[in-house]
């Protein structure tokens, strides 16, 4: 039972329980995270973004893809732009975008579903929502 809780804590918060350590939570060292991400199999990721984060993701996609896309202001256009980014970098996976609620309403959230992607791709999309730059 405890290993499952430790795994959940590590996945949700970026914390890890180290055997013999009196404190059950400690940050995961960067070297461990990089080694883990390089060897990790494709995974399904859901990223929930709010208004300002979606705006930064749109700007990152426009900057990365230039004139190859229309302004990514609908779920379908963002999905298409993310698919182009995955194809350009030969990254595995598929993107799906949902807007919650589906109609024009506030507050809203956008669900970015990345199915079968590698960890660096998921991290790059998540960071694009935070910083406005798509590092890949």
N, C-alpha and C. Protein backbone atom coordinates (compact mmCIF):
# COMPACT_ATOMS: atom_id res chain seq x y z
N UNK A 1 0.81 -1.19 0.00
CA UNK A 1 0.00 0.00 0.00
C UNK A 1 0.85 1.26 0.00
N UNK A 2 1.89 1.34 0.81
CA UNK A 2 2.69 2.55 0.88
C UNK A 2 3.43 2.87 -0.41
N UNK A 3 3.97 1.88 -1.14
CA UNK A 3 4.62 2.25 -2.39
C UNK A 3 3.68 2.94 -3.37
N UNK A 4 2.40 2.57 -3.38
CA UNK A 4 1.43 3.22 -4.26
C UNK A 4 1.24 4.68 -3.87
N UNK A 5 1.16 4.95 -2.58
CA UNK A 5 1.01 6.33 -2.11
C UNK A 5 2.26 7.13 -2.45
N UNK A 6 3.44 6.55 -2.25
CA UNK A 6 4.68 7.24 -2.60
C UNK A 6 4.73 7.55 -4.09
N UNK A 7 4.30 6.61 -4.90
CA UNK A 7 4.30 6.82 -6.36
C UNK A 7 3.34 7.94 -6.72
N UNK A 8 2.15 7.94 -6.12
CA UNK A 8 1.17 9.00 -6.40
C UNK A 8 1.71 10.36 -5.97
N UNK A 9 2.33 10.42 -4.80
CA UNK A 9 2.90 11.68 -4.32
C UNK A 9 3.98 12.16 -5.28
N UNK A 10 4.83 11.26 -5.76
CA UNK A 10 5.90 11.63 -6.68
C UNK A 10 5.34 12.14 -8.00
N UNK A 11 4.32 11.46 -8.52
CA UNK A 11 3.75 11.85 -9.82
C UNK A 11 2.98 13.16 -9.73
N UNK A 12 2.26 13.38 -8.64
CA UNK A 12 1.44 14.58 -8.52
C UNK A 12 2.23 15.81 -8.11
N UNK A 13 3.19 15.62 -7.25
CA UNK A 13 3.88 16.78 -6.72
C UNK A 13 5.34 16.88 -7.05
N UNK A 14 5.89 15.92 -7.77
CA UNK A 14 7.31 15.97 -8.06
C UNK A 14 8.16 15.64 -6.85
N UNK A 15 7.61 14.94 -5.86
CA UNK A 15 8.31 14.59 -4.64
C UNK A 15 8.52 13.10 -4.58
N UNK A 16 9.53 12.70 -3.87
CA UNK A 16 9.84 11.28 -3.78
C UNK A 16 10.22 10.91 -2.35
N UNK A 17 9.81 9.73 -1.94
CA UNK A 17 10.24 9.21 -0.64
C UNK A 17 11.53 8.43 -0.86
N UNK A 18 12.54 8.79 -0.11
CA UNK A 18 13.83 8.15 -0.24
C UNK A 18 14.00 7.18 0.94
N UNK A 19 14.34 5.90 0.68
CA UNK A 19 14.51 4.95 1.79
C UNK A 19 15.55 5.45 2.78
N UNK A 20 15.23 5.36 4.06
CA UNK A 20 16.16 5.77 5.11
C UNK A 20 16.10 7.26 5.42
N UNK A 21 15.34 8.01 4.66
CA UNK A 21 15.21 9.45 4.89
C UNK A 21 14.08 9.67 5.89
N UNK A 22 14.33 10.39 6.99
CA UNK A 22 13.26 10.58 7.98
C UNK A 22 12.10 11.40 7.44
N UNK A 23 12.36 12.35 6.55
CA UNK A 23 11.25 13.12 5.97
C UNK A 23 10.74 12.37 4.75
N UNK A 24 9.44 12.08 4.68
CA UNK A 24 8.92 11.27 3.58
C UNK A 24 8.90 11.99 2.24
N UNK A 25 9.07 13.29 2.23
CA UNK A 25 9.05 14.01 0.96
C UNK A 25 10.33 14.80 0.78
N UNK A 26 10.87 14.70 -0.40
CA UNK A 26 12.10 15.39 -0.74
C UNK A 26 12.09 15.62 -2.24
N UNK A 27 12.58 16.76 -2.75
CA UNK A 27 12.55 16.97 -4.19
C UNK A 27 13.35 15.90 -4.94
N UNK A 28 12.86 15.53 -6.12
CA UNK A 28 13.56 14.55 -6.95
C UNK A 28 14.73 15.27 -7.62
N UNK A 29 15.96 14.75 -7.52
CA UNK A 29 17.10 15.40 -8.15
C UNK A 29 16.92 15.48 -9.66
N UNK A 30 17.46 16.54 -10.28
CA UNK A 30 17.30 16.76 -11.72
C UNK A 30 17.89 15.61 -12.52
N UNK A 31 19.01 15.03 -12.08
CA UNK A 31 19.63 13.93 -12.83
C UNK A 31 18.70 12.72 -12.89
N UNK A 32 17.99 12.44 -11.82
CA UNK A 32 17.06 11.32 -11.80
C UNK A 32 15.91 11.60 -12.76
N UNK A 33 15.39 12.83 -12.75
CA UNK A 33 14.28 13.19 -13.62
C UNK A 33 14.68 13.10 -15.09
N UNK A 34 15.88 13.54 -15.47
CA UNK A 34 16.30 13.45 -16.87
C UNK A 34 16.48 12.01 -17.31
N UNK A 35 17.08 11.19 -16.47
CA UNK A 35 17.27 9.80 -16.83
C UNK A 35 15.91 9.12 -16.97
N UNK A 36 14.98 9.44 -16.07
CA UNK A 36 13.65 8.87 -16.12
C UNK A 36 12.92 9.28 -17.39
N UNK A 37 13.05 10.56 -17.79
CA UNK A 37 12.34 11.05 -18.96
C UNK A 37 12.92 10.48 -20.24
N UNK A 38 14.22 10.22 -20.29
CA UNK A 38 14.82 9.68 -21.50
C UNK A 38 14.40 8.24 -21.74
N UNK A 39 14.17 7.49 -20.67
CA UNK A 39 13.82 6.07 -20.81
C UNK A 39 12.33 5.81 -20.69
N UNK A 40 11.53 6.83 -20.50
CA UNK A 40 10.11 6.60 -20.25
C UNK A 40 9.36 6.26 -21.53
N UNK A 41 8.40 5.35 -21.44
CA UNK A 41 7.59 5.00 -22.60
C UNK A 41 6.58 6.10 -22.89
N UNK A 42 5.98 6.08 -24.08
CA UNK A 42 4.93 7.07 -24.37
C UNK A 42 3.81 6.98 -23.34
N UNK A 43 3.22 8.12 -23.03
CA UNK A 43 2.17 8.18 -22.03
C UNK A 43 1.05 9.09 -22.50
N UNK A 44 -0.09 8.99 -21.85
CA UNK A 44 -1.22 9.87 -22.12
C UNK A 44 -1.21 10.97 -21.07
N UNK A 45 -1.30 12.22 -21.53
CA UNK A 45 -1.21 13.36 -20.64
C UNK A 45 -2.41 14.27 -20.89
N UNK A 46 -2.97 14.82 -19.82
CA UNK A 46 -4.02 15.82 -19.93
C UNK A 46 -3.52 17.08 -19.25
N UNK A 47 -3.51 18.18 -19.98
CA UNK A 47 -3.05 19.46 -19.45
C UNK A 47 -4.26 20.39 -19.44
N UNK A 48 -4.61 20.92 -18.29
CA UNK A 48 -5.74 21.84 -18.16
C UNK A 48 -5.18 23.26 -18.11
N UNK A 49 -5.64 24.09 -19.03
CA UNK A 49 -5.17 25.47 -19.10
C UNK A 49 -6.34 26.43 -18.94
N UNK A 50 -6.10 27.55 -18.32
CA UNK A 50 -7.09 28.62 -18.18
C UNK A 50 -6.77 29.72 -19.19
N UNK A 51 -7.53 30.78 -19.20
CA UNK A 51 -7.43 31.86 -20.19
C UNK A 51 -6.03 32.37 -20.49
N UNK A 52 -5.30 32.90 -19.50
CA UNK A 52 -3.96 33.44 -19.79
C UNK A 52 -2.98 32.37 -20.29
N UNK A 53 -3.09 31.17 -19.75
CA UNK A 53 -2.20 30.09 -20.18
C UNK A 53 -2.49 29.69 -21.63
N UNK A 54 -3.78 29.65 -21.99
CA UNK A 54 -4.15 29.33 -23.37
C UNK A 54 -3.60 30.40 -24.31
N UNK A 55 -3.69 31.65 -23.89
CA UNK A 55 -3.16 32.74 -24.70
C UNK A 55 -1.66 32.57 -24.93
N UNK A 56 -0.92 32.21 -23.88
CA UNK A 56 0.53 32.01 -24.03
C UNK A 56 0.83 30.81 -24.93
N UNK A 57 0.04 29.74 -24.82
CA UNK A 57 0.21 28.57 -25.70
C UNK A 57 -0.05 28.97 -27.15
N UNK A 58 -1.10 29.76 -27.39
CA UNK A 58 -1.39 30.23 -28.76
C UNK A 58 -0.22 31.02 -29.33
N UNK A 59 0.31 31.92 -28.52
CA UNK A 59 1.45 32.73 -28.98
C UNK A 59 2.66 31.85 -29.29
N UNK A 60 2.90 30.86 -28.46
CA UNK A 60 4.03 29.95 -28.70
C UNK A 60 3.83 29.17 -29.99
N UNK A 61 2.61 28.72 -30.24
CA UNK A 61 2.33 27.98 -31.47
C UNK A 61 2.48 28.88 -32.70
N UNK A 62 1.98 30.12 -32.60
CA UNK A 62 2.13 31.06 -33.72
C UNK A 62 3.61 31.36 -33.99
N UNK A 63 4.37 31.55 -32.92
CA UNK A 63 5.80 31.84 -33.08
C UNK A 63 6.54 30.65 -33.69
N UNK A 64 6.19 29.45 -33.27
CA UNK A 64 6.87 28.24 -33.75
C UNK A 64 6.49 27.90 -35.19
N UNK A 65 5.20 27.99 -35.50
CA UNK A 65 4.73 27.55 -36.81
C UNK A 65 4.59 28.67 -37.83
N UNK A 66 4.61 29.91 -37.38
CA UNK A 66 4.54 31.04 -38.31
C UNK A 66 3.27 31.05 -39.13
N UNK A 67 3.42 31.22 -40.44
CA UNK A 67 2.28 31.31 -41.34
C UNK A 67 1.70 29.97 -41.74
N UNK A 68 2.18 28.88 -41.18
CA UNK A 68 1.69 27.56 -41.56
C UNK A 68 0.30 27.27 -40.98
N UNK A 69 -0.17 28.11 -40.05
CA UNK A 69 -1.46 27.87 -39.43
C UNK A 69 -2.27 29.16 -39.36
N UNK A 70 -3.60 29.01 -39.24
CA UNK A 70 -4.45 30.14 -38.92
C UNK A 70 -4.30 30.42 -37.43
N UNK A 71 -4.79 31.57 -37.02
CA UNK A 71 -4.70 31.91 -35.58
C UNK A 71 -5.36 30.80 -34.77
N UNK A 72 -4.63 30.17 -33.84
CA UNK A 72 -5.19 29.04 -33.07
C UNK A 72 -6.11 29.52 -31.95
N UNK A 73 -7.35 29.88 -32.32
CA UNK A 73 -8.27 30.40 -31.33
C UNK A 73 -9.49 29.50 -31.11
N UNK A 74 -9.51 28.33 -31.73
CA UNK A 74 -10.57 27.35 -31.48
C UNK A 74 -9.90 26.03 -31.09
N UNK A 75 -10.65 25.15 -30.45
CA UNK A 75 -10.06 23.86 -30.10
C UNK A 75 -9.50 23.11 -31.32
N UNK A 76 -10.23 23.16 -32.42
CA UNK A 76 -9.78 22.45 -33.62
C UNK A 76 -8.46 23.03 -34.16
N UNK A 77 -8.34 24.35 -34.16
CA UNK A 77 -7.11 24.97 -34.67
C UNK A 77 -5.92 24.72 -33.75
N UNK A 78 -6.14 24.73 -32.44
CA UNK A 78 -5.04 24.41 -31.51
C UNK A 78 -4.63 22.95 -31.69
N UNK A 79 -5.62 22.08 -31.84
CA UNK A 79 -5.34 20.66 -32.07
C UNK A 79 -4.51 20.46 -33.34
N UNK A 80 -4.89 21.18 -34.41
CA UNK A 80 -4.15 21.10 -35.67
C UNK A 80 -2.72 21.61 -35.50
N UNK A 81 -2.55 22.73 -34.79
CA UNK A 81 -1.22 23.29 -34.58
C UNK A 81 -0.34 22.35 -33.76
N UNK A 82 -0.91 21.74 -32.72
CA UNK A 82 -0.13 20.79 -31.92
C UNK A 82 0.24 19.56 -32.74
N UNK A 83 -0.66 19.12 -33.62
CA UNK A 83 -0.35 17.98 -34.50
C UNK A 83 0.81 18.32 -35.43
N UNK A 84 0.84 19.55 -35.94
CA UNK A 84 1.95 19.99 -36.80
C UNK A 84 3.26 20.02 -36.03
N UNK A 85 3.21 20.49 -34.79
CA UNK A 85 4.43 20.52 -33.96
C UNK A 85 4.94 19.10 -33.73
N UNK A 86 4.03 18.18 -33.40
CA UNK A 86 4.43 16.78 -33.20
C UNK A 86 5.05 16.21 -34.47
N UNK A 87 4.45 16.50 -35.63
CA UNK A 87 4.97 15.98 -36.89
C UNK A 87 6.33 16.58 -37.23
N UNK A 88 6.50 17.88 -37.00
CA UNK A 88 7.79 18.53 -37.30
C UNK A 88 8.94 17.94 -36.50
N UNK A 89 8.65 17.53 -35.28
CA UNK A 89 9.71 17.01 -34.42
C UNK A 89 9.74 15.48 -34.39
N UNK A 90 8.96 14.87 -35.25
CA UNK A 90 8.88 13.41 -35.32
C UNK A 90 8.60 12.80 -33.94
N UNK A 91 7.78 13.49 -33.18
CA UNK A 91 7.42 13.02 -31.85
C UNK A 91 6.21 12.09 -31.95
N UNK A 92 6.17 11.05 -31.13
CA UNK A 92 5.01 10.16 -31.18
C UNK A 92 3.80 10.85 -30.58
N UNK A 93 2.65 10.34 -30.88
CA UNK A 93 1.44 10.79 -30.20
C UNK A 93 0.47 11.55 -31.07
N UNK A 94 -0.62 11.94 -30.42
CA UNK A 94 -1.72 12.63 -31.08
C UNK A 94 -2.30 13.63 -30.09
N UNK A 95 -2.74 14.77 -30.60
CA UNK A 95 -3.30 15.83 -29.75
C UNK A 95 -4.81 15.94 -29.95
N UNK A 96 -5.52 16.14 -28.84
CA UNK A 96 -6.95 16.45 -28.86
C UNK A 96 -7.17 17.61 -27.91
N UNK A 97 -8.05 18.53 -28.29
CA UNK A 97 -8.30 19.71 -27.46
C UNK A 97 -9.80 19.83 -27.20
N UNK A 98 -10.16 20.00 -25.94
CA UNK A 98 -11.55 20.20 -25.55
C UNK A 98 -11.67 21.51 -24.79
N UNK A 99 -12.77 22.19 -24.99
CA UNK A 99 -13.03 23.43 -24.27
C UNK A 99 -14.18 23.17 -23.30
N UNK A 100 -13.99 23.50 -22.03
CA UNK A 100 -15.01 23.28 -21.01
C UNK A 100 -15.44 24.59 -20.41
N UNK A 101 -16.68 24.96 -20.39
CA UNK A 101 -17.80 24.36 -21.10
C UNK A 101 -17.65 24.59 -22.60
N UNK A 102 -18.35 23.79 -23.37
CA UNK A 102 -18.19 23.82 -24.83
C UNK A 102 -18.68 25.13 -25.44
N UNK A 103 -19.62 25.81 -24.84
CA UNK A 103 -20.14 27.07 -25.37
C UNK A 103 -19.32 28.25 -24.90
N UNK A 104 -19.70 29.43 -25.38
CA UNK A 104 -19.01 30.65 -24.96
C UNK A 104 -19.52 31.00 -23.57
N UNK A 105 -18.66 30.88 -22.60
CA UNK A 105 -19.03 31.09 -21.21
C UNK A 105 -17.76 31.33 -20.41
N UNK A 106 -17.93 31.92 -19.26
CA UNK A 106 -16.78 32.15 -18.42
C UNK A 106 -17.11 31.64 -17.02
N UNK A 107 -16.26 31.11 -16.23
CA UNK A 107 -14.88 30.78 -16.56
C UNK A 107 -14.82 29.54 -17.43
N UNK A 108 -13.77 29.45 -18.17
CA UNK A 108 -13.59 28.30 -19.04
C UNK A 108 -12.22 27.69 -18.83
N UNK A 109 -12.10 26.45 -19.22
CA UNK A 109 -10.81 25.79 -19.21
C UNK A 109 -10.66 25.02 -20.51
N UNK A 110 -9.45 24.82 -20.90
CA UNK A 110 -9.14 24.08 -22.12
C UNK A 110 -8.36 22.85 -21.72
N UNK A 111 -8.81 21.70 -22.18
CA UNK A 111 -8.13 20.44 -21.89
C UNK A 111 -7.32 20.04 -23.11
N UNK A 112 -6.02 19.95 -22.93
CA UNK A 112 -5.12 19.50 -23.98
C UNK A 112 -4.82 18.04 -23.68
N UNK A 113 -5.33 17.13 -24.50
CA UNK A 113 -5.09 15.70 -24.34
C UNK A 113 -3.98 15.31 -25.30
N UNK A 114 -2.87 14.84 -24.77
CA UNK A 114 -1.75 14.36 -25.57
C UNK A 114 -1.68 12.85 -25.36
N UNK A 115 -2.09 12.11 -26.35
CA UNK A 115 -2.16 10.65 -26.25
C UNK A 115 -0.91 10.02 -26.87
N UNK A 116 -0.21 9.21 -26.09
CA UNK A 116 0.96 8.47 -26.57
C UNK A 116 2.17 9.34 -26.86
N UNK A 117 2.37 10.39 -26.07
CA UNK A 117 3.53 11.27 -26.29
C UNK A 117 4.64 10.92 -25.32
N UNK A 118 5.85 11.35 -25.67
CA UNK A 118 6.97 11.16 -24.75
C UNK A 118 6.98 12.31 -23.73
N UNK A 119 7.68 12.10 -22.65
CA UNK A 119 7.69 13.08 -21.55
C UNK A 119 8.26 14.45 -21.96
N UNK A 120 9.33 14.52 -22.76
CA UNK A 120 9.82 15.85 -23.16
C UNK A 120 8.79 16.65 -23.96
N UNK A 121 7.99 15.99 -24.79
CA UNK A 121 6.96 16.69 -25.55
C UNK A 121 5.89 17.22 -24.62
N UNK A 122 5.43 16.41 -23.68
CA UNK A 122 4.42 16.85 -22.72
C UNK A 122 4.94 18.02 -21.89
N UNK A 123 6.18 17.95 -21.49
CA UNK A 123 6.78 19.04 -20.71
C UNK A 123 6.87 20.31 -21.54
N UNK A 124 7.23 20.19 -22.82
CA UNK A 124 7.34 21.36 -23.69
C UNK A 124 5.99 22.05 -23.86
N UNK A 125 4.93 21.29 -24.04
CA UNK A 125 3.59 21.89 -24.20
C UNK A 125 3.14 22.53 -22.90
N UNK A 126 3.38 21.87 -21.78
CA UNK A 126 3.01 22.42 -20.47
C UNK A 126 3.77 23.73 -20.22
N UNK A 127 5.05 23.76 -20.53
CA UNK A 127 5.86 24.97 -20.34
C UNK A 127 5.44 26.09 -21.29
N UNK A 128 4.97 25.75 -22.48
CA UNK A 128 4.50 26.77 -23.43
C UNK A 128 3.31 27.51 -22.84
N UNK A 129 2.46 26.82 -22.10
CA UNK A 129 1.34 27.49 -21.43
C UNK A 129 1.80 28.40 -20.31
N UNK A 130 2.93 28.10 -19.72
CA UNK A 130 3.45 28.92 -18.62
C UNK A 130 4.29 30.09 -19.11
N UNK A 131 5.12 29.83 -20.14
CA UNK A 131 6.11 30.84 -20.54
C UNK A 131 5.82 31.51 -21.87
N UNK A 132 4.99 30.90 -22.72
CA UNK A 132 4.73 31.48 -24.04
C UNK A 132 5.77 31.09 -25.08
N UNK A 133 6.65 30.14 -24.74
CA UNK A 133 7.67 29.66 -25.68
C UNK A 133 7.60 28.15 -25.76
N UNK A 134 7.70 27.62 -26.96
CA UNK A 134 7.66 26.17 -27.16
C UNK A 134 9.09 25.69 -27.38
N UNK A 135 9.70 25.16 -26.33
CA UNK A 135 11.09 24.69 -26.39
C UNK A 135 11.10 23.24 -26.81
N UNK A 136 11.46 22.98 -28.04
CA UNK A 136 11.54 21.60 -28.53
C UNK A 136 12.42 21.56 -29.73
